[in-house]
Amino acid sequence: MDNQSSRDLAIKELKLLVKKYADAKEVPRAIGGPYNLSPQEMLREVENDTEIGRKIVEAFRSLKQQFPQI
């Protein structure tokens, strides 16, 4: 999977999470290292192609390789 495909997939998945939790009182957060990001914050990082966003894309790519049926 190339970088653009991985990025597009991450954006698609994050938008689904943002929509799913739009009305939730408590939004799940991705916590790792110094980061504690909501799906909306992760989406913004990926869309802006920041260093954090590229790490998020890589994490999605890794998960997709480990769990291809999902």
PDB file of N, CA and C in Angstrom:
ATOM      1  N   MET A   1       0.848  -1.169   0.000  1.00  0.00           N
ATOM      2  CA  MET A   1       0.000   0.000   0.000  1.00  0.00           C
ATOM      3  C   MET A   1       0.897   1.237   0.000  1.00  0.00           C
ATOM      4  N   ASP A   2       0.667   2.148  -0.931  1.00  0.00           N
ATOM      5  CA  ASP A   2       1.506   3.333  -1.008  1.00  0.00           C
ATOM      6  C   ASP A   2       1.088   4.373   0.036  1.00  0.00           C
ATOM      7  N   ASN A   3       1.902   5.405   0.156  1.00  0.00           N
ATOM      8  CA  ASN A   3       1.664   6.423   1.187  1.00  0.00           C
ATOM      9  C   ASN A   3       0.321   7.122   1.024  1.00  0.00           C
ATOM     10  N   GLN A   4      -0.045   7.485  -0.216  1.00  0.00           N
ATOM     11  CA  GLN A   4      -1.300   8.193  -0.434  1.00  0.00           C
ATOM     12  C   GLN A   4      -2.483   7.305  -0.098  1.00  0.00           C
ATOM     13  N   SER A   5      -2.426   6.034  -0.482  1.00  0.00           N
ATOM     14  CA  SER A   5      -3.514   5.103  -0.165  1.00  0.00           C
ATOM     15  C   SER A   5      -3.645   4.936   1.345  1.00  0.00           C
ATOM     16  N   SER A   6      -2.506   4.818   2.017  1.00  0.00           N
ATOM     17  CA  SER A   6      -2.518   4.684   3.471  1.00  0.00           C
ATOM     18  C   SER A   6      -3.091   5.932   4.123  1.00  0.00           C
ATOM     19  N   ARG A   7      -2.717   7.074   3.606  1.00  0.00           N
ATOM     20  CA  ARG A   7      -3.211   8.344   4.148  1.00  0.00           C
ATOM     21  C   ARG A   7      -4.716   8.460   3.917  1.00  0.00           C
ATOM     22  N   ASP A   8      -5.165   8.120   2.705  1.00  0.00           N
ATOM     23  CA  ASP A   8      -6.595   8.172   2.394  1.00  0.00           C
ATOM     24  C   ASP A   8      -7.394   7.233   3.297  1.00  0.00           C
ATOM     25  N   LEU A   9      -6.856   6.047   3.529  1.00  0.00           N
ATOM     26  CA  LEU A   9      -7.524   5.075   4.399  1.00  0.00           C
ATOM     27  C   LEU A   9      -7.610   5.614   5.831  1.00  0.00           C
ATOM     28  N   ALA A  10      -6.524   6.189   6.330  1.00  0.00           N
ATOM     29  CA  ALA A  10      -6.522   6.744   7.687  1.00  0.00           C
ATOM     30  C   ALA A  10      -7.543   7.870   7.803  1.00  0.00           C
ATOM     31  N   ILE A  11      -7.607   8.737   6.801  1.00  0.00           N
ATOM     32  CA  ILE A  11      -8.578   9.837   6.821  1.00  0.00           C
ATOM     33  C   ILE A  11      -9.995   9.280   6.832  1.00  0.00           C
ATOM     34  N   LYS A  12     -10.256   8.290   6.011  1.00  0.00           N
ATOM     35  CA  LYS A  12     -11.591   7.678   5.950  1.00  0.00           C
ATOM     36  C   LYS A  12     -11.979   7.093   7.308  1.00  0.00           C
ATOM     37  N   GLU A  13     -11.076   6.340   7.912  1.00  0.00           N
ATOM     38  CA  GLU A  13     -11.351   5.714   9.207  1.00  0.00           C
ATOM     39  C   GLU A  13     -11.543   6.763  10.298  1.00  0.00           C
ATOM     40  N   LEU A  14     -10.711   7.791  10.297  1.00  0.00           N
ATOM     41  CA  LEU A  14     -10.827   8.836  11.315  1.00  0.00           C
ATOM     42  C   LEU A  14     -12.128   9.611  11.163  1.00  0.00           C
ATOM     43  N   LYS A  15     -12.558   9.861   9.931  1.00  0.00           N
ATOM     44  CA  LYS A  15     -13.834  10.555   9.721  1.00  0.00           C
ATOM     45  C   LYS A  15     -14.993   9.721  10.244  1.00  0.00           C
ATOM     46  N   LEU A  16     -14.898   8.391  10.084  1.00  0.00           N
ATOM     47  CA  LEU A  16     -15.929   7.506  10.637  1.00  0.00           C
ATOM     48  C   LEU A  16     -15.971   7.611  12.165  1.00  0.00           C
ATOM     49  N   LEU A  17     -14.793   7.655  12.792  1.00  0.00           N
ATOM     50  CA  LEU A  17     -14.727   7.788  14.250  1.00  0.00           C
ATOM     51  C   LEU A  17     -15.267   9.137  14.714  1.00  0.00           C
ATOM     52  N   VAL A  18     -14.907  10.190  14.007  1.00  0.00           N
ATOM     53  CA  VAL A  18     -15.394  11.528  14.354  1.00  0.00           C
ATOM     54  C   VAL A  18     -16.918  11.546  14.295  1.00  0.00           C
ATOM     55  N   LYS A  19     -17.475  10.980  13.227  1.00  0.00           N
ATOM     56  CA  LYS A  19     -18.928  10.940  13.060  1.00  0.00           C
ATOM     57  C   LYS A  19     -19.582  10.087  14.151  1.00  0.00           C
ATOM     58  N   LYS A  20     -18.981   8.940  14.429  1.00  0.00           N
ATOM     59  CA  LYS A  20     -19.534   8.019  15.423  1.00  0.00           C
ATOM     60  C   LYS A  20     -19.624   8.666  16.803  1.00  0.00           C
ATOM     61  N   TYR A  21     -18.626   9.446  17.166  1.00  0.00           N
ATOM     62  CA  TYR A  21     -18.571  10.024  18.504  1.00  0.00           C
ATOM     63  C   TYR A  21     -18.967  11.501  18.540  1.00  0.00           C
ATOM     64  N   ALA A  22     -19.582  11.994  17.473  1.00  0.00           N
ATOM     65  CA  ALA A  22     -19.941  13.415  17.393  1.00  0.00           C
ATOM     66  C   ALA A  22     -20.843  13.854  18.541  1.00  0.00           C
ATOM     67  N   ASP A  23     -21.770  13.007  18.948  1.00  0.00           N
ATOM     68  CA  ASP A  23     -22.711  13.377  20.000  1.00  0.00           C
ATOM     69  C   ASP A  23     -22.401  12.722  21.348  1.00  0.00           C
ATOM     70  N   ALA A  24     -21.269  12.064  21.432  1.00  0.00           N
ATOM     71  CA  ALA A  24     -20.909  11.363  22.660  1.00  0.00           C
ATOM     72  C   ALA A  24     -20.446  12.348  23.729  1.00  0.00           C
ATOM     73  N   LYS A  25     -20.763  12.023  24.963  1.00  0.00           N
ATOM     74  CA  LYS A  25     -20.308  12.868  26.074  1.00  0.00           C
ATOM     75  C   LYS A  25     -18.811  12.721  26.294  1.00  0.00           C
ATOM     76  N   GLU A  26     -18.321  11.492  26.092  1.00  0.00           N
ATOM     77  CA  GLU A  26     -16.900  11.230  26.242  1.00  0.00           C
ATOM     78  C   GLU A  26     -16.359  10.658  24.955  1.00  0.00           C
ATOM     79  N   VAL A  27     -15.375  11.309  24.392  1.00  0.00           N
ATOM     80  CA  VAL A  27     -14.769  10.878  23.137  1.00  0.00           C
ATOM     81  C   VAL A  27     -13.524  10.063  23.458  1.00  0.00           C
ATOM     82  N   PRO A  28     -13.340   8.912  22.773  1.00  0.00           N
ATOM     83  CA  PRO A  28     -12.124   8.133  23.023  1.00  0.00           C
ATOM     84  C   PRO A  28     -10.899   8.922  22.584  1.00  0.00           C
ATOM     85  N   ARG A  29      -9.780   8.626  23.198  1.00  0.00           N
ATOM     86  CA  ARG A  29      -8.551   9.324  22.879  1.00  0.00           C
ATOM     87  C   ARG A  29      -7.464   8.298  22.618  1.00  0.00           C
ATOM     88  N   ALA A  30      -6.617   8.610  21.658  1.00  0.00           N
ATOM     89  CA  ALA A  30      -5.446   7.781  21.383  1.00  0.00           C
ATOM     90  C   ALA A  30      -4.318   8.313  22.251  1.00  0.00           C
ATOM     91  N   ILE A  31      -3.812   7.457  23.088  1.00  0.00           N
ATOM     92  CA  ILE A  31      -2.765   7.867  24.017  1.00  0.00           C
ATOM     93  C   ILE A  31      -1.513   7.054  23.715  1.00  0.00           C
ATOM     94  N   GLY A  32      -0.416   7.735  23.538  1.00  0.00           N
ATOM     95  CA  GLY A  32       0.851   7.062  23.290  1.00  0.00           C
ATOM     96  C   GLY A  32       1.977   8.071  23.345  1.00  0.00           C
ATOM     97  N   GLY A  33       3.012   7.736  24.082  1.00  0.00           N
ATOM     98  CA  GLY A  33       4.114   8.676  24.222  1.00  0.00           C
ATOM     99  C   GLY A  33       3.602   9.976  24.807  1.00  0.00           C
ATOM    100  N   PRO A  34       3.957  11.079  24.204  1.00  0.00           N
ATOM    101  CA  PRO A  34       3.494  12.372  24.728  1.00  0.00           C
ATOM    102  C   PRO A  34       2.130  12.788  24.177  1.00  0.00           C
ATOM    103  N   TYR A  35       1.483  11.923  23.406  1.00  0.00           N
ATOM    104  CA  TYR A  35       0.249  12.296  22.721  1.00  0.00           C
ATOM    105  C   TYR A  35      -0.993  11.801  23.433  1.00  0.00           C
ATOM    106  N   ASN A  36      -2.040  12.600  23.358  1.00  0.00           N
ATOM    107  CA  ASN A  36      -3.348  12.274  23.907  1.00  0.00           C
ATOM    108  C   ASN A  36      -4.346  12.978  22.993  1.00  0.00           C
ATOM    109  N   LEU A  37      -4.682  12.319  21.884  1.00  0.00           N
ATOM    110  CA  LEU A  37      -5.441  12.975  20.822  1.00  0.00           C
ATOM    111  C   LEU A  37      -6.823  12.381  20.638  1.00  0.00           C
ATOM    112  N   SER A  38      -7.796  13.241  20.368  1.00  0.00           N
ATOM    113  CA  SER A  38      -9.134  12.796  20.010  1.00  0.00           C
ATOM    114  C   SER A  38      -9.118  12.410  18.525  1.00  0.00           C
ATOM    115  N   PRO A  39     -10.133  11.694  18.052  1.00  0.00           N
ATOM    116  CA  PRO A  39     -10.189  11.382  16.623  1.00  0.00           C
ATOM    117  C   PRO A  39     -10.155  12.652  15.756  1.00  0.00           C
ATOM    118  N   GLN A  40     -10.831  13.722  16.200  1.00  0.00           N
ATOM    119  CA  GLN A  40     -10.825  14.974  15.444  1.00  0.00           C
ATOM    120  C   GLN A  40      -9.412  15.555  15.358  1.00  0.00           C
ATOM    121  N   GLU A  41      -8.688  15.501  16.456  1.00  0.00           N
ATOM    122  CA  GLU A  41      -7.311  16.016  16.454  1.00  0.00           C
ATOM    123  C   GLU A  41      -6.412  15.157  15.574  1.00  0.00           C
ATOM    124  N   MET A  42      -6.599  13.840  15.619  1.00  0.00           N
ATOM    125  CA  MET A  42      -5.813  12.953  14.753  1.00  0.00           C
ATOM    126  C   MET A  42      -6.117  13.241  13.291  1.00  0.00           C
ATOM    127  N   LEU A  43      -7.389  13.422  12.961  1.00  0.00           N
ATOM    128  CA  LEU A  43      -7.784  13.720  11.591  1.00  0.00           C
ATOM    129  C   LEU A  43      -7.102  15.003  11.114  1.00  0.00           C
ATOM    130  N   ARG A  44      -7.115  16.023  11.933  1.00  0.00           N
ATOM    131  CA  ARG A  44      -6.478  17.297  11.573  1.00  0.00           C
ATOM    132  C   ARG A  44      -4.987  17.103  11.315  1.00  0.00           C
ATOM    133  N   GLU A  45      -4.322  16.316  12.150  1.00  0.00           N
ATOM    134  CA  GLU A  45      -2.890  16.068  11.974  1.00  0.00           C
ATOM    135  C   GLU A  45      -2.620  15.336  10.651  1.00  0.00           C
ATOM    136  N   VAL A  46      -3.447  14.343  10.344  1.00  0.00           N
ATOM    137  CA  VAL A  46      -3.261  13.585   9.097  1.00  0.00           C
ATOM    138  C   VAL A  46      -3.546  14.472   7.893  1.00  0.00           C
ATOM    139  N   GLU A  47      -4.648  15.217   7.928  1.00  0.00           N
ATOM    140  CA  GLU A  47      -4.999  16.086   6.803  1.00  0.00           C
ATOM    141  C   GLU A  47      -3.944  17.164   6.563  1.00  0.00           C
ATOM    142  N   ASN A  48      -3.316  17.645   7.631  1.00  0.00           N
ATOM    143  CA  ASN A  48      -2.283  18.684   7.504  1.00  0.00           C
ATOM    144  C   ASN A  48      -0.905  18.100   7.221  1.00  0.00           C
ATOM    145  N   ASP A  49      -0.824  16.772   7.149  1.00  0.00           N
ATOM    146  CA  ASP A  49       0.424  16.067   6.824  1.00  0.00           C
ATOM    147  C   ASP A  49       1.572  16.487   7.743  1.00  0.00           C
ATOM    148  N   THR A  50       1.282  16.529   9.038  1.00  0.00           N
ATOM    149  CA  THR A  50       2.310  16.862  10.031  1.00  0.00           C
ATOM    150  C   THR A  50       3.116  15.603  10.355  1.00  0.00           C
ATOM    151  N   GLU A  51       4.159  15.773  11.125  1.00  0.00           N
ATOM    152  CA  GLU A  51       4.959  14.622  11.556  1.00  0.00           C
ATOM    153  C   GLU A  51       4.091  13.646  12.362  1.00  0.00           C
ATOM    154  N   ILE A  52       3.278  14.180  13.251  1.00  0.00           N
ATOM    155  CA  ILE A  52       2.374  13.335  14.037  1.00  0.00           C
ATOM    156  C   ILE A  52       1.380  12.646  13.108  1.00  0.00           C
ATOM    157  N   GLY A  53       0.866  13.382  12.135  1.00  0.00           N
ATOM    158  CA  GLY A  53      -0.072  12.808  11.176  1.00  0.00           C
ATOM    159  C   GLY A  53       0.538  11.656  10.400  1.00  0.00           C
ATOM    160  N   ARG A  54       1.798  11.785  10.000  1.00  0.00           N
ATOM    161  CA  ARG A  54       2.474  10.700   9.272  1.00  0.00           C
ATOM    162  C   ARG A  54       2.649   9.482  10.173  1.00  0.00           C
ATOM    163  N   LYS A  55       2.887   9.704  11.456  1.00  0.00           N
ATOM    164  CA  LYS A  55       2.997   8.577  12.398  1.00  0.00           C
ATOM    165  C   LYS A  55       1.641   7.882  12.561  1.00  0.00           C
ATOM    166  N   ILE A  56       0.578   8.659  12.561  1.00  0.00           N
ATOM    167  CA  ILE A  56      -0.766   8.084  12.660  1.00  0.00           C
ATOM    168  C   ILE A  56      -1.053   7.240  11.428  1.00  0.00           C
ATOM    169  N   VAL A  57      -0.718   7.746  10.253  1.00  0.00           N
ATOM    170  CA  VAL A  57      -0.911   6.989   9.007  1.00  0.00           C
ATOM    171  C   VAL A  57      -0.121   5.683   9.064  1.00  0.00           C
ATOM    172  N   GLU A  58       1.104   5.755   9.528  1.00  0.00           N
ATOM    173  CA  GLU A  58       1.928   4.539   9.636  1.00  0.00           C
ATOM    174  C   GLU A  58       1.305   3.541  10.603  1.00  0.00           C
ATOM    175  N   ALA A  59       0.736   4.035  11.694  1.00  0.00           N
ATOM    176  CA  ALA A  59       0.073   3.142  12.655  1.00  0.00           C
ATOM    177  C   ALA A  59      -1.141   2.470  12.017  1.00  0.00           C
ATOM    178  N   PHE A  60      -1.933   3.227  11.263  1.00  0.00           N
ATOM    179  CA  PHE A  60      -3.076   2.639  10.564  1.00  0.00           C
ATOM    180  C   PHE A  60      -2.605   1.602   9.554  1.00  0.00           C
ATOM    181  N   ARG A  61      -1.531   1.910   8.834  1.00  0.00           N
ATOM    182  CA  ARG A  61      -0.989   0.980   7.841  1.00  0.00           C
ATOM    183  C   ARG A  61      -0.546  -0.319   8.523  1.00  0.00           C
ATOM    184  N   SER A  62       0.114  -0.188   9.641  1.00  0.00           N
ATOM    185  CA  SER A  62       0.575  -1.356  10.385  1.00  0.00           C
ATOM    186  C   SER A  62      -0.601  -2.207  10.862  1.00  0.00           C
ATOM    187  N   LEU A  63      -1.628  -1.554  11.383  1.00  0.00           N
ATOM    188  CA  LEU A  63      -2.817  -2.286  11.832  1.00  0.00           C
ATOM    189  C   LEU A  63      -3.500  -2.997  10.669  1.00  0.00           C
ATOM    190  N   LYS A  64      -3.577  -2.323   9.525  1.00  0.00           N
ATOM    191  CA  LYS A  64      -4.221  -2.910   8.355  1.00  0.00           C
ATOM    192  C   LYS A  64      -3.450  -4.148   7.888  1.00  0.00           C
ATOM    193  N   GLN A  65      -2.135  -4.131   7.999  1.00  0.00           N
ATOM    194  CA  GLN A  65      -1.315  -5.295   7.623  1.00  0.00           C
ATOM    195  C   GLN A  65      -1.530  -6.436   8.595  1.00  0.00           C
ATOM    196  N   GLN A  66      -1.675  -6.114   9.883  1.00  0.00           N
ATOM    197  CA  GLN A  66      -1.862  -7.142  10.896  1.00  0.00           C
ATOM    198  C   GLN A  66      -3.268  -7.724  10.883  1.00  0.00           C
ATOM    199  N   PHE A  67      -4.253  -6.885  10.534  1.00  0.00           N
ATOM    200  CA  PHE A  67      -5.648  -7.289  10.530  1.00  0.00           C
ATOM    201  C   PHE A  67      -6.297  -6.925   9.187  1.00  0.00           C
ATOM    202  N   PRO A  68      -5.923  -7.588   8.109  1.00  0.00           N
ATOM    203  CA  PRO A  68      -6.384  -7.190   6.770  1.00  0.00           C
ATOM    204  C   PRO A  68      -7.882  -7.337   6.558  1.00  0.00           C
ATOM    205  N   GLN A  69      -8.564  -8.164   7.326  1.00  0.00           N
ATOM    206  CA  GLN A  69      -9.999  -8.376   7.135  1.00  0.00           C
ATOM    207  C   GLN A  69     -10.836  -7.234   7.663  1.00  0.00           C
ATOM    208  N   ILE A  70     -10.266  -6.421   8.517  1.00  0.00           N
ATOM    209  CA  ILE A  70     -11.043  -5.341   9.163  1.00  0.00           C
ATOM    210  C   ILE A  70     -11.240  -4.208   8.189  1.00  0.00           C
TER     211      ILE A  70
END
